[in-house]
Each structure stands twice: as structure tokens, then as C-alpha cells.
Amino acid sequence: MLLRYKKSLEKIAMGLLSFMPGEKDVKKLKETITRYETDDQSQLYLWKIGEDYIGLVGVELEGDRVTVCHLSVNPSHRGEGVGKEMVAKLAAIMPGKTIVPTEATRPFLEKCQEIIEGGADRQ
């Protein structure tokens, strides 16, 4: 289940963000979280299965574009399709929007192109 970030999940979100390249430093993690908390155009979602938060996707909204800036899955759950499920749900909750990657998220999102293009059908 894809859930919108809230302040009570800050430490969990920071832990998941730390799996992203370039997000290892605590100061950088806090800056990233602050951006998602304060910038209306930046949204952070966490993926929850049962009682566990195991993934995260962070986006920036600009018109009809959704830029995926962060995409992270707990290493113990990688290879299980969690990332693709998150991308599919993101596409479904943002119908009519074009999902685009950053350089950091491009390699994974290219693997999800069929999911992204079919996202509006998944609602």
C-alpha cells in the first residue's frame, strides 16, 4: 500500500532514503526530508506491507509531469517486485501525468516503462 509521508514516519523515511546513492549523509537526509515536508510540489510516499514500511518513492510535481527523484526499497525486499508495484501505484494515483526520471532513477524507471504507460488503467 502506498501511503503519503507524515512527520511521524520521519526516521523510517530517512532510513529508506539512505539506500539511495548520494543520500548517505545525515545532513543531506534531513535536507531532503525537509524539502518533502515544506515544498507543496514535492511529495513523498512510503510502501507498507503488513506492519512494515519497506519502500519509498519521492516525486516533484510540475504541471502534467511527475519527476521521480527518489525510489528506494529495503535491501531485504529487493527482487520481489516492490519497486515495480510502487511505480504502478504511483502511475495509478496520478492519471494523465507523465512520469519522468532523474538521472538517479532512470535505470529503474526504464525497466518500468510498460507499467508507467498503463498506469491509468490500474485505478
C-alpha atoms as a PDB file:
ATOM      1  CA  MET A   1       0.000   0.000   0.000  1.00  0.00           C
ATOM      2  CA  LEU A   2       1.367   3.411  -0.987  1.00  0.00           C
ATOM      3  CA  LEU A   3       0.896   5.959   1.813  1.00  0.00           C
ATOM      4  CA  ARG A   4       1.661   9.665   1.872  1.00  0.00           C
ATOM      5  CA  TYR A   5       4.543  10.644   4.158  1.00  0.00           C
ATOM      6  CA  LYS A   6       3.770  12.191   7.516  1.00  0.00           C
ATOM      7  CA  LYS A   7       6.124  13.594  10.154  1.00  0.00           C
ATOM      8  CA  SER A   8       5.672  10.593  12.481  1.00  0.00           C
ATOM      9  CA  LEU A   9       7.376   8.444   9.805  1.00  0.00           C
ATOM     10  CA  GLU A  10      10.458  10.680   9.531  1.00  0.00           C
ATOM     11  CA  LYS A  11      13.010   8.167  10.859  1.00  0.00           C
ATOM     12  CA  ILE A  12      11.623   5.353   8.711  1.00  0.00           C
ATOM     13  CA  ALA A  13      11.681   7.608   5.647  1.00  0.00           C
ATOM     14  CA  MET A  14      15.244   8.710   6.371  1.00  0.00           C
ATOM     15  CA  GLY A  15      16.312   5.081   6.715  1.00  0.00           C
ATOM     16  CA  LEU A  16      14.763   4.166   3.367  1.00  0.00           C
ATOM     17  CA  LEU A  17      16.188   7.291   1.695  1.00  0.00           C
ATOM     18  CA  SER A  18      19.653   6.333   2.937  1.00  0.00           C
ATOM     19  CA  PHE A  19      19.648   3.407   0.480  1.00  0.00           C
ATOM     20  CA  MET A  20      19.723   5.952  -2.391  1.00  0.00           C
ATOM     21  CA  PRO A  21      23.106   6.954  -3.820  1.00  0.00           C
ATOM     22  CA  GLY A  22      24.010  10.428  -2.602  1.00  0.00           C
ATOM     23  CA  GLU A  23      21.681  10.264   0.407  1.00  0.00           C
ATOM     24  CA  LYS A  24      24.015   8.674   2.972  1.00  0.00           C
ATOM     25  CA  ASP A  25      24.930  11.797   4.957  1.00  0.00           C
ATOM     26  CA  VAL A  26      22.557  12.632   7.842  1.00  0.00           C
ATOM     27  CA  LYS A  27      22.615  16.355   6.982  1.00  0.00           C
ATOM     28  CA  LYS A  28      21.656  15.591   3.359  1.00  0.00           C
ATOM     29  CA  LEU A  29      18.894  13.223   4.521  1.00  0.00           C
ATOM     30  CA  LYS A  30      17.427  15.897   6.794  1.00  0.00           C
ATOM     31  CA  GLU A  31      17.531  18.456   3.958  1.00  0.00           C
ATOM     32  CA  THR A  32      15.721  16.023   1.658  1.00  0.00           C
ATOM     33  CA  ILE A  33      13.044  15.249   4.260  1.00  0.00           C
ATOM     34  CA  THR A  34      12.577  18.971   4.967  1.00  0.00           C
ATOM     35  CA  ARG A  35      12.026  19.595   1.250  1.00  0.00           C
ATOM     36  CA  TYR A  36       9.304  16.943   1.159  1.00  0.00           C
ATOM     37  CA  GLU A  37       7.712  18.404   4.302  1.00  0.00           C
ATOM     38  CA  THR A  38       7.710  22.036   3.177  1.00  0.00           C
ATOM     39  CA  ASP A  39       7.513  22.125  -0.623  1.00  0.00           C
ATOM     40  CA  ASP A  40       3.972  21.641  -1.933  1.00  0.00           C
ATOM     41  CA  GLN A  41       5.356  20.426  -5.264  1.00  0.00           C
ATOM     42  CA  SER A  42       7.386  17.650  -3.611  1.00  0.00           C
ATOM     43  CA  GLN A  43       5.592  14.560  -2.347  1.00  0.00           C
ATOM     44  CA  LEU A  44       6.951  11.536  -0.530  1.00  0.00           C
ATOM     45  CA  TYR A  45       5.192   8.173  -0.336  1.00  0.00           C
ATOM     46  CA  LEU A  46       6.055   5.074   1.656  1.00  0.00           C
ATOM     47  CA  TRP A  47       5.195   1.499   0.681  1.00  0.00           C
ATOM     48  CA  LYS A  48       3.731  -0.541   3.515  1.00  0.00           C
ATOM     49  CA  ILE A  49       3.189  -4.293   3.608  1.00  0.00           C
ATOM     50  CA  GLY A  50       1.535  -5.531   6.778  1.00  0.00           C
ATOM     51  CA  GLU A  51       3.105  -3.551   9.599  1.00  0.00           C
ATOM     52  CA  ASP A  52       6.382  -2.847   7.771  1.00  0.00           C
ATOM     53  CA  TYR A  53       7.410   0.120   5.639  1.00  0.00           C
ATOM     54  CA  ILE A  54       9.719  -1.363   3.021  1.00  0.00           C
ATOM     55  CA  GLY A  55       9.887   1.172   0.211  1.00  0.00           C
ATOM     56  CA  LEU A  56       9.746   4.827  -0.627  1.00  0.00           C
ATOM     57  CA  VAL A  57       9.113   6.984  -3.682  1.00  0.00           C
ATOM     58  CA  GLY A  58       9.636  10.745  -3.772  1.00  0.00           C
ATOM     59  CA  VAL A  59       8.330  12.933  -6.580  1.00  0.00           C
ATOM     60  CA  GLU A  60       8.272  16.541  -7.732  1.00  0.00           C
ATOM     61  CA  LEU A  61       5.130  17.791  -9.443  1.00  0.00           C
ATOM     62  CA  GLU A  62       5.266  20.311 -12.253  1.00  0.00           C
ATOM     63  CA  GLY A  63       2.170  20.731 -14.388  1.00  0.00           C
ATOM     64  CA  ASP A  64       1.433  17.420 -16.081  1.00  0.00           C
ATOM     65  CA  ARG A  65       4.871  15.984 -15.197  1.00  0.00           C
ATOM     66  CA  VAL A  66       5.770  13.866 -12.191  1.00  0.00           C
ATOM     67  CA  THR A  67       9.529  13.570 -11.719  1.00  0.00           C
ATOM     68  CA  VAL A  68      10.583  10.550  -9.663  1.00  0.00           C
ATOM     69  CA  CYS A  69      13.501  11.880  -7.605  1.00  0.00           C
ATOM     70  CA  HIS A  70      13.811   9.066  -5.083  1.00  0.00           C
ATOM     71  CA  LEU A  71      12.923   5.384  -5.308  1.00  0.00           C
ATOM     72  CA  SER A  72      14.169   3.003  -2.654  1.00  0.00           C
ATOM     73  CA  VAL A  73      13.374  -0.495  -1.418  1.00  0.00           C
ATOM     74  CA  ASN A  74      14.735  -2.097   1.724  1.00  0.00           C
ATOM     75  CA  PRO A  75      17.530  -4.429   0.535  1.00  0.00           C
ATOM     76  CA  SER A  76      15.916  -7.452   2.192  1.00  0.00           C
ATOM     77  CA  HIS A  77      12.867  -6.994  -0.096  1.00  0.00           C
ATOM     78  CA  ARG A  78      14.650  -6.294  -3.377  1.00  0.00           C
ATOM     79  CA  GLY A  79      13.961  -8.618  -6.265  1.00  0.00           C
ATOM     80  CA  GLU A  80      10.369  -9.161  -5.098  1.00  0.00           C
ATOM     81  CA  GLY A  81       8.743  -6.625  -7.441  1.00  0.00           C
ATOM     82  CA  VAL A  82       8.173  -3.999  -4.740  1.00  0.00           C
ATOM     83  CA  GLY A  83       9.690  -1.183  -6.790  1.00  0.00           C
ATOM     84  CA  LYS A  84       7.523  -2.021  -9.787  1.00  0.00           C
ATOM     85  CA  GLU A  85       4.435  -2.181  -7.557  1.00  0.00           C
ATOM     86  CA  MET A  86       5.245   1.283  -6.186  1.00  0.00           C
ATOM     87  CA  VAL A  87       5.677   2.691  -9.697  1.00  0.00           C
ATOM     88  CA  ALA A  88       2.403   1.078 -10.824  1.00  0.00           C
ATOM     89  CA  LYS A  89       0.505   2.561  -7.877  1.00  0.00           C
ATOM     90  CA  LEU A  90       2.122   5.969  -8.420  1.00  0.00           C
ATOM     91  CA  ALA A  91       1.025   5.921 -12.062  1.00  0.00           C
ATOM     92  CA  ALA A  92      -2.488   4.893 -10.995  1.00  0.00           C
ATOM     93  CA  ILE A  93      -2.899   7.728  -8.472  1.00  0.00           C
ATOM     94  CA  MET A  94      -1.607  10.311 -10.953  1.00  0.00           C
ATOM     95  CA  PRO A  95      -3.641   9.633 -14.097  1.00  0.00           C
ATOM     96  CA  GLY A  96      -2.902  11.819 -17.079  1.00  0.00           C
ATOM     97  CA  LYS A  97       0.513  12.763 -15.694  1.00  0.00           C
ATOM     98  CA  THR A  98       3.773  11.924 -17.456  1.00  0.00           C
ATOM     99  CA  ILE A  99       6.176  10.149 -15.120  1.00  0.00           C
ATOM    100  CA  VAL A 100       9.793  11.068 -15.792  1.00  0.00           C
ATOM    101  CA  PRO A 101      13.028  10.034 -14.067  1.00  0.00           C
ATOM    102  CA  THR A 102      16.037  11.871 -12.746  1.00  0.00           C
ATOM    103  CA  GLU A 103      19.479  10.523 -13.628  1.00  0.00           C
ATOM    104  CA  ALA A 104      19.439   8.556 -10.363  1.00  0.00           C
ATOM    105  CA  THR A 105      16.056   6.897 -11.031  1.00  0.00           C
ATOM    106  CA  ARG A 106      16.358   6.491 -14.823  1.00  0.00           C
ATOM    107  CA  PRO A 107      17.835   2.950 -14.877  1.00  0.00           C
ATOM    108  CA  PHE A 108      14.997   1.527 -12.801  1.00  0.00           C
ATOM    109  CA  LEU A 109      12.180   3.532 -14.401  1.00  0.00           C
ATOM    110  CA  GLU A 110      13.286   2.417 -17.857  1.00  0.00           C
ATOM    111  CA  LYS A 111      12.524  -1.146 -16.702  1.00  0.00           C
ATOM    112  CA  CYS A 112       9.045   0.034 -15.675  1.00  0.00           C
ATOM    113  CA  GLN A 113       8.046   1.806 -18.898  1.00  0.00           C
ATOM    114  CA  GLU A 114       5.181  -0.587 -19.690  1.00  0.00           C
ATOM    115  CA  ILE A 115       3.822  -0.174 -16.142  1.00  0.00           C
ATOM    116  CA  ILE A 116       4.054   3.613 -16.352  1.00  0.00           C
ATOM    117  CA  GLU A 117       2.262   3.764 -19.690  1.00  0.00           C
ATOM    118  CA  GLY A 118      -0.522   1.530 -18.395  1.00  0.00           C
ATOM    119  CA  GLY A 119      -0.824   3.313 -15.027  1.00  0.00           C
ATOM    120  CA  ALA A 120      -4.159   4.973 -15.644  1.00  0.00           C
ATOM    121  CA  ASP A 121      -5.700   1.540 -16.263  1.00  0.00           C
ATOM    122  CA  ARG A 122      -4.735   0.317 -12.761  1.00  0.00           C
ATOM    123  CA  GLN A 123      -7.087   2.504 -10.690  1.00  0.00           C
END
